[in-house]
Amino acid sequence: MGRTALVTGGSRGIGAAISKALKAQGYTVVATYAGNDEKARAFTDETGIATYKWDVSDYEACKAGIEKVEAEHGPVEVLVNNAGITRDAPFHKMSPDQWREVIDTNLTGLFNMTHCVWPGLRERKFGRVINISSINGQKGQFGQANYAAAKAGDIGFTKALAQEGARNGITVNAICPGYIATEMVMAVPEKVRESIVAQIPVGRLGEAEEIARCVVFLASDDAGFVTGSTLSANGGQYLA
């Protein structure tokens, strides 16, 4: 393949599965992470995928980081905006900081990362931007006014930017995972997990690799006619 793919939050959970799947397809993959140096080193040792540390909510950090990545690995042609955080609380208890941190990472982070690679994509007349939203950006969720707002914003961002990129060979799509068997979900009490699974028609949690396969398709040449789309991968839990 030879193309360079950058996956934010790409060393853990869904992001790690995406990074590995793209590498298996022949992409040169680079993963970013925000804080856990030990996990990032272990991921690189295991996969050979280079990891870079920066905060996607910081525009200047994104700009400098992407410049370094492109100098070392070539121009980024596939961008997967996967990095995200949660700061859950009922709205009447949600602090301004909890709101701001989630919006800054989960929504503004898309602007920061995409804005920094966009000129190059337009110049080369090719690009794939894939935004990892969430089922809760589609249907909302108690205690997640911040997260749901950001993830819904990701979908609007996707639809608008797809129209700008289309004539330049750039596709922009979103994936909305449902409940996936990541480390975070598996850490919740078993009874809570059972209540979640009871709401999923296929009767199980999703696997990170299933989301990764969606990314692989959207990144491929085969998906050149797919843009501005929202791909729901939630086991039938929410039908958009």
C-alpha atoms as a PDB file:
ATOM      1  CA  MET A   1       0.000   0.000   0.000  1.00  0.00           C
ATOM      2  CA  GLY A   2       2.743   2.442   1.015  1.00  0.00           C
ATOM      3  CA  ARG A   3       0.392   5.124   2.370  1.00  0.00           C
ATOM      4  CA  THR A   4       0.911   6.634   5.790  1.00  0.00           C
ATOM      5  CA  ALA A   5      -1.989   6.374   8.239  1.00  0.00           C
ATOM      6  CA  LEU A   6      -2.124   8.304  11.501  1.00  0.00           C
ATOM      7  CA  VAL A   7      -4.401   7.003  14.265  1.00  0.00           C
ATOM      8  CA  THR A   8      -5.000   9.249  17.268  1.00  0.00           C
ATOM      9  CA  GLY A   9      -5.366   7.370  20.528  1.00  0.00           C
ATOM     10  CA  GLY A  10      -3.963   4.524  18.495  1.00  0.00           C
ATOM     11  CA  SER A  11      -2.050   2.504  21.090  1.00  0.00           C
ATOM     12  CA  ARG A  12      -4.928   1.233  23.244  1.00  0.00           C
ATOM     13  CA  GLY A  13      -8.426  -0.185  22.909  1.00  0.00           C
ATOM     14  CA  ILE A  14     -10.240   0.417  19.633  1.00  0.00           C
ATOM     15  CA  GLY A  15      -7.370   2.603  18.439  1.00  0.00           C
ATOM     16  CA  ALA A  16      -4.850  -0.201  18.871  1.00  0.00           C
ATOM     17  CA  ALA A  17      -7.042  -2.590  16.890  1.00  0.00           C
ATOM     18  CA  ILE A  18      -7.334   0.020  14.122  1.00  0.00           C
ATOM     19  CA  SER A  19      -3.579   0.588  14.038  1.00  0.00           C
ATOM     20  CA  LYS A  20      -2.872  -3.148  13.794  1.00  0.00           C
ATOM     21  CA  ALA A  21      -5.489  -3.711  11.093  1.00  0.00           C
ATOM     22  CA  LEU A  22      -4.156  -0.897   8.924  1.00  0.00           C
ATOM     23  CA  LYS A  23      -0.612  -2.173   9.307  1.00  0.00           C
ATOM     24  CA  ALA A  24      -1.776  -5.642   8.235  1.00  0.00           C
ATOM     25  CA  GLN A  25      -3.099  -4.034   5.048  1.00  0.00           C
ATOM     26  CA  GLY A  26       0.311  -2.573   4.246  1.00  0.00           C
ATOM     27  CA  TYR A  27      -0.067   0.973   5.532  1.00  0.00           C
ATOM     28  CA  THR A  28       2.760   2.724   7.334  1.00  0.00           C
ATOM     29  CA  VAL A  29       0.967   3.334  10.612  1.00  0.00           C
ATOM     30  CA  VAL A  30       1.711   5.933  13.258  1.00  0.00           C
ATOM     31  CA  ALA A  31      -0.242   6.076  16.516  1.00  0.00           C
ATOM     32  CA  THR A  32      -0.575   8.980  18.909  1.00  0.00           C
ATOM     33  CA  TYR A  33      -1.246   8.803  22.618  1.00  0.00           C
ATOM     34  CA  ALA A  34      -1.847  11.344  25.347  1.00  0.00           C
ATOM     35  CA  GLY A  35      -0.342  10.094  28.574  1.00  0.00           C
ATOM     36  CA  ASN A  36       0.553   6.460  29.237  1.00  0.00           C
ATOM     37  CA  ASP A  37       4.193   6.142  28.206  1.00  0.00           C
ATOM     38  CA  GLU A  38       4.533   2.571  29.489  1.00  0.00           C
ATOM     39  CA  LYS A  39       1.545   1.296  27.480  1.00  0.00           C
ATOM     40  CA  ALA A  40       2.747   3.124  24.380  1.00  0.00           C
ATOM     41  CA  ARG A  41       6.230   1.596  24.630  1.00  0.00           C
ATOM     42  CA  ALA A  42       4.729  -1.856  25.093  1.00  0.00           C
ATOM     43  CA  PHE A  43       2.501  -1.335  22.066  1.00  0.00           C
ATOM     44  CA  THR A  44       5.441  -0.283  19.893  1.00  0.00           C
ATOM     45  CA  ASP A  45       7.517  -3.223  21.119  1.00  0.00           C
ATOM     46  CA  GLU A  46       4.679  -5.613  20.305  1.00  0.00           C
ATOM     47  CA  THR A  47       3.672  -4.228  16.907  1.00  0.00           C
ATOM     48  CA  GLY A  48       6.561  -2.184  15.551  1.00  0.00           C
ATOM     49  CA  ILE A  49       4.144   0.737  15.131  1.00  0.00           C
ATOM     50  CA  ALA A  50       5.718   4.075  16.020  1.00  0.00           C
ATOM     51  CA  THR A  51       3.984   6.086  18.732  1.00  0.00           C
ATOM     52  CA  TYR A  52       4.082   9.838  19.299  1.00  0.00           C
ATOM     53  CA  LYS A  53       2.856  11.692  22.363  1.00  0.00           C
ATOM     54  CA  TRP A  54       0.752  14.826  22.144  1.00  0.00           C
ATOM     55  CA  ASP A  55      -2.574  16.258  23.242  1.00  0.00           C
ATOM     56  CA  VAL A  56      -5.038  16.511  20.344  1.00  0.00           C
ATOM     57  CA  SER A  57      -6.821  19.370  22.107  1.00  0.00           C
ATOM     58  CA  ASP A  58      -3.689  21.528  21.632  1.00  0.00           C
ATOM     59  CA  TYR A  59      -3.530  22.895  18.064  1.00  0.00           C
ATOM     60  CA  GLU A  60       0.148  23.797  18.167  1.00  0.00           C
ATOM     61  CA  ALA A  61       1.035  20.356  19.540  1.00  0.00           C
ATOM     62  CA  CYS A  62      -0.907  18.758  16.685  1.00  0.00           C
ATOM     63  CA  LYS A  63       0.835  20.920  14.117  1.00  0.00           C
ATOM     64  CA  ALA A  64       4.301  20.179  15.474  1.00  0.00           C
ATOM     65  CA  GLY A  65       3.543  16.486  15.911  1.00  0.00           C
ATOM     66  CA  ILE A  66       2.220  16.041  12.382  1.00  0.00           C
ATOM     67  CA  GLU A  67       5.212  17.890  10.949  1.00  0.00           C
ATOM     68  CA  LYS A  68       7.508  15.453  12.768  1.00  0.00           C
ATOM     69  CA  VAL A  69       5.503  12.418  11.660  1.00  0.00           C
ATOM     70  CA  GLU A  70       5.540  13.530   8.032  1.00  0.00           C
ATOM     71  CA  ALA A  71       9.261  14.250   8.124  1.00  0.00           C
ATOM     72  CA  GLU A  72       9.925  10.746   9.449  1.00  0.00           C
ATOM     73  CA  HIS A  73       7.239   8.659   7.707  1.00  0.00           C
ATOM     74  CA  GLY A  74       5.973  10.613   4.711  1.00  0.00           C
ATOM     75  CA  PRO A  75       2.792  12.596   4.143  1.00  0.00           C
ATOM     76  CA  VAL A  76      -0.270  11.531   6.128  1.00  0.00           C
ATOM     77  CA  GLU A  77      -2.900  10.341   3.658  1.00  0.00           C
ATOM     78  CA  VAL A  78      -5.212   8.501   6.060  1.00  0.00           C
ATOM     79  CA  LEU A  79      -6.240  10.189   9.300  1.00  0.00           C
ATOM     80  CA  VAL A  80      -8.266   8.295  11.887  1.00  0.00           C
ATOM     81  CA  ASN A  81      -9.567  10.637  14.583  1.00  0.00           C
ATOM     82  CA  ASN A  82     -10.079   8.130  17.374  1.00  0.00           C
ATOM     83  CA  ALA A  83      -8.749   9.852  20.507  1.00  0.00           C
ATOM     84  CA  GLY A  84     -11.435  10.484  23.093  1.00  0.00           C
ATOM     85  CA  ILE A  85     -12.089  10.855  26.796  1.00  0.00           C
ATOM     86  CA  THR A  86     -15.064  10.711  29.154  1.00  0.00           C
ATOM     87  CA  ARG A  87     -15.847  12.882  32.155  1.00  0.00           C
ATOM     88  CA  ASP A  88     -19.297  11.551  33.020  1.00  0.00           C
ATOM     89  CA  ALA A  89     -21.658  13.253  35.438  1.00  0.00           C
ATOM     90  CA  PRO A  90     -25.344  14.161  35.600  1.00  0.00           C
ATOM     91  CA  PHE A  91     -25.699  17.593  34.062  1.00  0.00           C
ATOM     92  CA  HIS A  92     -26.617  19.318  37.342  1.00  0.00           C
ATOM     93  CA  LYS A  93     -23.320  18.068  38.780  1.00  0.00           C
ATOM     94  CA  MET A  94     -21.181  18.546  35.668  1.00  0.00           C
ATOM     95  CA  SER A  95     -18.458  21.141  36.096  1.00  0.00           C
ATOM     96  CA  PRO A  96     -17.341  23.582  33.391  1.00  0.00           C
ATOM     97  CA  ASP A  97     -13.999  21.766  33.365  1.00  0.00           C
ATOM     98  CA  GLN A  98     -15.689  18.405  32.726  1.00  0.00           C
ATOM     99  CA  TRP A  99     -17.601  19.934  29.841  1.00  0.00           C
ATOM    100  CA  ARG A 100     -14.606  21.744  28.367  1.00  0.00           C
ATOM    101  CA  GLU A 101     -12.156  18.833  28.608  1.00  0.00           C
ATOM    102  CA  VAL A 102     -14.448  16.488  26.694  1.00  0.00           C
ATOM    103  CA  ILE A 103     -15.400  19.031  24.029  1.00  0.00           C
ATOM    104  CA  ASP A 104     -11.770  20.074  23.584  1.00  0.00           C
ATOM    105  CA  THR A 105     -10.544  16.501  23.070  1.00  0.00           C
ATOM    106  CA  ASN A 106     -13.475  14.772  21.383  1.00  0.00           C
ATOM    107  CA  LEU A 107     -14.607  17.573  19.070  1.00  0.00           C
ATOM    108  CA  THR A 108     -11.981  20.303  18.842  1.00  0.00           C
ATOM    109  CA  GLY A 109      -9.391  17.550  18.518  1.00  0.00           C
ATOM    110  CA  LEU A 110     -10.946  16.640  15.158  1.00  0.00           C
ATOM    111  CA  PHE A 111     -10.561  20.208  13.960  1.00  0.00           C
ATOM    112  CA  ASN A 112      -6.972  20.424  15.177  1.00  0.00           C
ATOM    113  CA  MET A 113      -5.791  17.187  13.605  1.00  0.00           C
ATOM    114  CA  THR A 114      -7.730  17.462  10.370  1.00  0.00           C
ATOM    115  CA  HIS A 115      -6.909  21.136   9.839  1.00  0.00           C
ATOM    116  CA  CYS A 116      -3.199  20.343  10.049  1.00  0.00           C
ATOM    117  CA  VAL A 117      -3.299  17.616   7.369  1.00  0.00           C
ATOM    118  CA  TRP A 118      -5.981  19.172   5.142  1.00  0.00           C
ATOM    119  CA  PRO A 119      -3.708  21.371   2.965  1.00  0.00           C
ATOM    120  CA  GLY A 120      -1.581  18.366   2.070  1.00  0.00           C
ATOM    121  CA  LEU A 121      -4.588  16.199   1.263  1.00  0.00           C
ATOM    122  CA  ARG A 122      -5.993  18.899  -1.025  1.00  0.00           C
ATOM    123  CA  GLU A 123      -2.657  19.401  -2.749  1.00  0.00           C
ATOM    124  CA  ARG A 124      -2.202  15.666  -3.386  1.00  0.00           C
ATOM    125  CA  LYS A 125      -5.856  15.241  -4.435  1.00  0.00           C
ATOM    126  CA  PHE A 126      -6.307  12.248  -2.164  1.00  0.00           C
ATOM    127  CA  GLY A 127      -7.198  11.617   1.439  1.00  0.00           C
ATOM    128  CA  ARG A 128      -9.208   9.565   3.873  1.00  0.00           C
ATOM    129  CA  VAL A 129     -10.476  11.131   7.092  1.00  0.00           C
ATOM    130  CA  ILE A 130     -12.294   8.706   9.380  1.00  0.00           C
ATOM    131  CA  ASN A 131     -13.860  10.012  12.567  1.00  0.00           C
ATOM    132  CA  ILE A 132     -14.727   7.658  15.398  1.00  0.00           C
ATOM    133  CA  SER A 133     -17.954   8.976  16.895  1.00  0.00           C
ATOM    134  CA  SER A 134     -20.267   6.909  19.129  1.00  0.00           C
ATOM    135  CA  ILE A 135     -23.722   5.431  19.477  1.00  0.00           C
ATOM    136  CA  ASN A 136     -24.186   7.964  22.265  1.00  0.00           C
ATOM    137  CA  GLY A 137     -23.619  10.788  19.801  1.00  0.00           C
ATOM    138  CA  GLN A 138     -26.625   9.440  17.915  1.00  0.00           C
ATOM    139  CA  LYS A 139     -29.033   8.649  20.732  1.00  0.00           C
ATOM    140  CA  GLY A 140     -27.674  10.526  23.767  1.00  0.00           C
ATOM    141  CA  GLN A 141     -26.907   8.997  27.147  1.00  0.00           C
ATOM    142  CA  PHE A 142     -27.694   9.896  30.749  1.00  0.00           C
ATOM    143  CA  GLY A 143     -24.688  11.487  32.441  1.00  0.00           C
ATOM    144  CA  GLN A 144     -22.946  12.195  29.151  1.00  0.00           C
ATOM    145  CA  ALA A 145     -24.230  15.575  27.980  1.00  0.00           C
ATOM    146  CA  ASN A 146     -20.627  16.574  27.257  1.00  0.00           C
ATOM    147  CA  TYR A 147     -19.658  13.336  25.503  1.00  0.00           C
ATOM    148  CA  ALA A 148     -22.893  13.034  23.505  1.00  0.00           C
ATOM    149  CA  ALA A 149     -22.636  16.665  22.384  1.00  0.00           C
ATOM    150  CA  ALA A 150     -19.054  16.185  21.223  1.00  0.00           C
ATOM    151  CA  LYS A 151     -19.756  12.921  19.423  1.00  0.00           C
ATOM    152  CA  ALA A 152     -22.852  14.361  17.731  1.00  0.00           C
ATOM    153  CA  GLY A 153     -20.657  17.278  16.687  1.00  0.00           C
ATOM    154  CA  ASP A 154     -18.220  14.806  15.139  1.00  0.00           C
ATOM    155  CA  ILE A 155     -21.011  13.616  12.844  1.00  0.00           C
ATOM    156  CA  GLY A 156     -21.902  17.155  11.776  1.00  0.00           C
ATOM    157  CA  PHE A 157     -18.226  17.914  11.188  1.00  0.00           C
ATOM    158  CA  THR A 158     -17.997  14.803   9.011  1.00  0.00           C
ATOM    159  CA  LYS A 159     -20.990  15.717   6.848  1.00  0.00           C
ATOM    160  CA  ALA A 160     -19.855  19.289   6.283  1.00  0.00           C
ATOM    161  CA  LEU A 161     -16.215  18.513   5.569  1.00  0.00           C
ATOM    162  CA  ALA A 162     -17.112  15.679   3.200  1.00  0.00           C
ATOM    163  CA  GLN A 163     -18.710  18.247   0.905  1.00  0.00           C
ATOM    164  CA  GLU A 164     -15.553  20.340   0.900  1.00  0.00           C
ATOM    165  CA  GLY A 165     -13.202  17.440   0.250  1.00  0.00           C
ATOM    166  CA  ALA A 166     -15.124  15.561  -2.416  1.00  0.00           C
ATOM    167  CA  ARG A 167     -13.810  17.438  -5.462  1.00  0.00           C
ATOM    168  CA  ASN A 168     -10.253  16.939  -4.251  1.00  0.00           C
ATOM    169  CA  GLY A 169     -10.464  13.179  -3.875  1.00  0.00           C
ATOM    170  CA  ILE A 170     -10.824  13.354  -0.081  1.00  0.00           C
ATOM    171  CA  THR A 171     -13.487  11.292   1.641  1.00  0.00           C
ATOM    172  CA  VAL A 172     -14.640  12.045   5.172  1.00  0.00           C
ATOM    173  CA  ASN A 173     -16.710   9.476   7.056  1.00  0.00           C
ATOM    174  CA  ALA A 174     -17.756   8.662  10.608  1.00  0.00           C
ATOM    175  CA  ILE A 175     -18.094   5.379  12.459  1.00  0.00           C
ATOM    176  CA  CYS A 176     -20.383   5.115  15.471  1.00  0.00           C
ATOM    177  CA  PRO A 177     -19.408   2.105  17.576  1.00  0.00           C
ATOM    178  CA  GLY A 178     -21.835   0.704  20.086  1.00  0.00           C
ATOM    179  CA  TYR A 179     -20.621  -0.979  23.253  1.00  0.00           C
ATOM    180  CA  ILE A 180     -17.282  -2.643  22.540  1.00  0.00           C
ATOM    181  CA  ALA A 181     -15.444  -5.125  24.764  1.00  0.00           C
ATOM    182  CA  THR A 182     -12.584  -2.775  25.545  1.00  0.00           C
ATOM    183  CA  GLU A 183     -10.622  -2.704  28.782  1.00  0.00           C
ATOM    184  CA  MET A 184     -12.843   0.119  30.050  1.00  0.00           C
ATOM    185  CA  VAL A 185     -16.125  -1.685  29.375  1.00  0.00           C
ATOM    186  CA  MET A 186     -14.894  -5.010  30.706  1.00  0.00           C
ATOM    187  CA  ALA A 187     -13.881  -3.288  33.953  1.00  0.00           C
ATOM    188  CA  VAL A 188     -17.477  -2.399  34.851  1.00  0.00           C
ATOM    189  CA  PRO A 189     -19.350  -4.764  37.180  1.00  0.00           C
ATOM    190  CA  GLU A 190     -20.661  -7.920  35.526  1.00  0.00           C
ATOM    191  CA  LYS A 191     -24.283  -7.072  36.287  1.00  0.00           C
ATOM    192  CA  VAL A 192     -23.887  -3.725  34.542  1.00  0.00           C
ATOM    193  CA  ARG A 193     -22.374  -5.447  31.501  1.00  0.00           C
ATOM    194  CA  GLU A 194     -25.258  -7.893  31.470  1.00  0.00           C
ATOM    195  CA  SER A 195     -27.739  -5.022  31.453  1.00  0.00           C
ATOM    196  CA  ILE A 196     -25.896  -3.464  28.517  1.00  0.00           C
ATOM    197  CA  VAL A 197     -25.844  -6.715  26.537  1.00  0.00           C
ATOM    198  CA  ALA A 198     -29.565  -7.149  27.187  1.00  0.00           C
ATOM    199  CA  GLN A 199     -30.153  -3.994  25.100  1.00  0.00           C
ATOM    200  CA  ILE A 200     -28.125  -5.278  22.111  1.00  0.00           C
ATOM    201  CA  PRO A 201     -30.161  -7.379  19.675  1.00  0.00           C
ATOM    202  CA  VAL A 202     -27.204  -9.516  18.568  1.00  0.00           C
ATOM    203  CA  GLY A 203     -26.730 -10.467  22.222  1.00  0.00           C
ATOM    204  CA  ARG A 204     -23.103  -9.555  22.785  1.00  0.00           C
ATOM    205  CA  LEU A 205     -20.614  -6.733  23.029  1.00  0.00           C
ATOM    206  CA  GLY A 206     -18.748  -5.749  19.891  1.00  0.00           C
ATOM    207  CA  GLU A 207     -15.072  -6.474  19.358  1.00  0.00           C
ATOM    208  CA  ALA A 208     -12.523  -3.754  18.672  1.00  0.00           C
ATOM    209  CA  GLU A 209     -11.423  -5.642  15.579  1.00  0.00           C
ATOM    210  CA  GLU A 210     -14.925  -5.249  14.126  1.00  0.00           C
ATOM    211  CA  ILE A 211     -14.575  -1.470  14.278  1.00  0.00           C
ATOM    212  CA  ALA A 212     -11.092  -1.767  12.806  1.00  0.00           C
ATOM    213  CA  ARG A 213     -12.459  -3.625   9.798  1.00  0.00           C
ATOM    214  CA  CYS A 214     -14.868  -0.755   9.175  1.00  0.00           C
ATOM    215  CA  VAL A 215     -11.922   1.639   9.189  1.00  0.00           C
ATOM    216  CA  VAL A 216      -9.941  -0.542   6.790  1.00  0.00           C
ATOM    217  CA  PHE A 217     -12.801  -0.445   4.296  1.00  0.00           C
ATOM    218  CA  LEU A 218     -13.333   3.319   4.541  1.00  0.00           C
ATOM    219  CA  ALA A 219      -9.589   3.905   4.130  1.00  0.00           C
ATOM    220  CA  SER A 220      -9.405   1.774   0.995  1.00  0.00           C
ATOM    221  CA  ASP A 221      -9.644   2.722  -2.664  1.00  0.00           C
ATOM    222  CA  ASP A 222     -12.814   0.620  -2.787  1.00  0.00           C
ATOM    223  CA  ALA A 223     -14.555   3.244  -0.637  1.00  0.00           C
ATOM    224  CA  GLY A 224     -13.861   6.154  -2.958  1.00  0.00           C
ATOM    225  CA  PHE A 225     -17.583   6.740  -3.573  1.00  0.00           C
ATOM    226  CA  VAL A 226     -18.445   6.688   0.133  1.00  0.00           C
ATOM    227  CA  THR A 227     -18.227  10.079   1.804  1.00  0.00           C
ATOM    228  CA  GLY A 228     -20.213  12.022   4.378  1.00  0.00           C
ATOM    229  CA  SER A 229     -21.546   8.725   5.697  1.00  0.00           C
ATOM    230  CA  THR A 230     -22.123   7.544   9.237  1.00  0.00           C
ATOM    231  CA  LEU A 231     -21.514   3.831   9.685  1.00  0.00           C
ATOM    232  CA  SER A 232     -23.279   2.435  12.751  1.00  0.00           C
ATOM    233  CA  ALA A 233     -21.609  -0.648  14.249  1.00  0.00           C
ATOM    234  CA  ASN A 234     -23.694  -1.333  17.338  1.00  0.00           C
ATOM    235  CA  GLY A 235     -25.252  -4.762  17.024  1.00  0.00           C
ATOM    236  CA  GLY A 236     -28.650  -3.271  16.277  1.00  0.00           C
ATOM    237  CA  GLN A 237     -28.883  -1.405  19.573  1.00  0.00           C
ATOM    238  CA  TYR A 238     -29.735   1.877  17.864  1.00  0.00           C
ATOM    239  CA  LEU A 239     -31.043   2.125  14.307  1.00  0.00           C
ATOM    240  CA  ALA A 240     -30.256   5.547  12.878  1.00  0.00           C
END
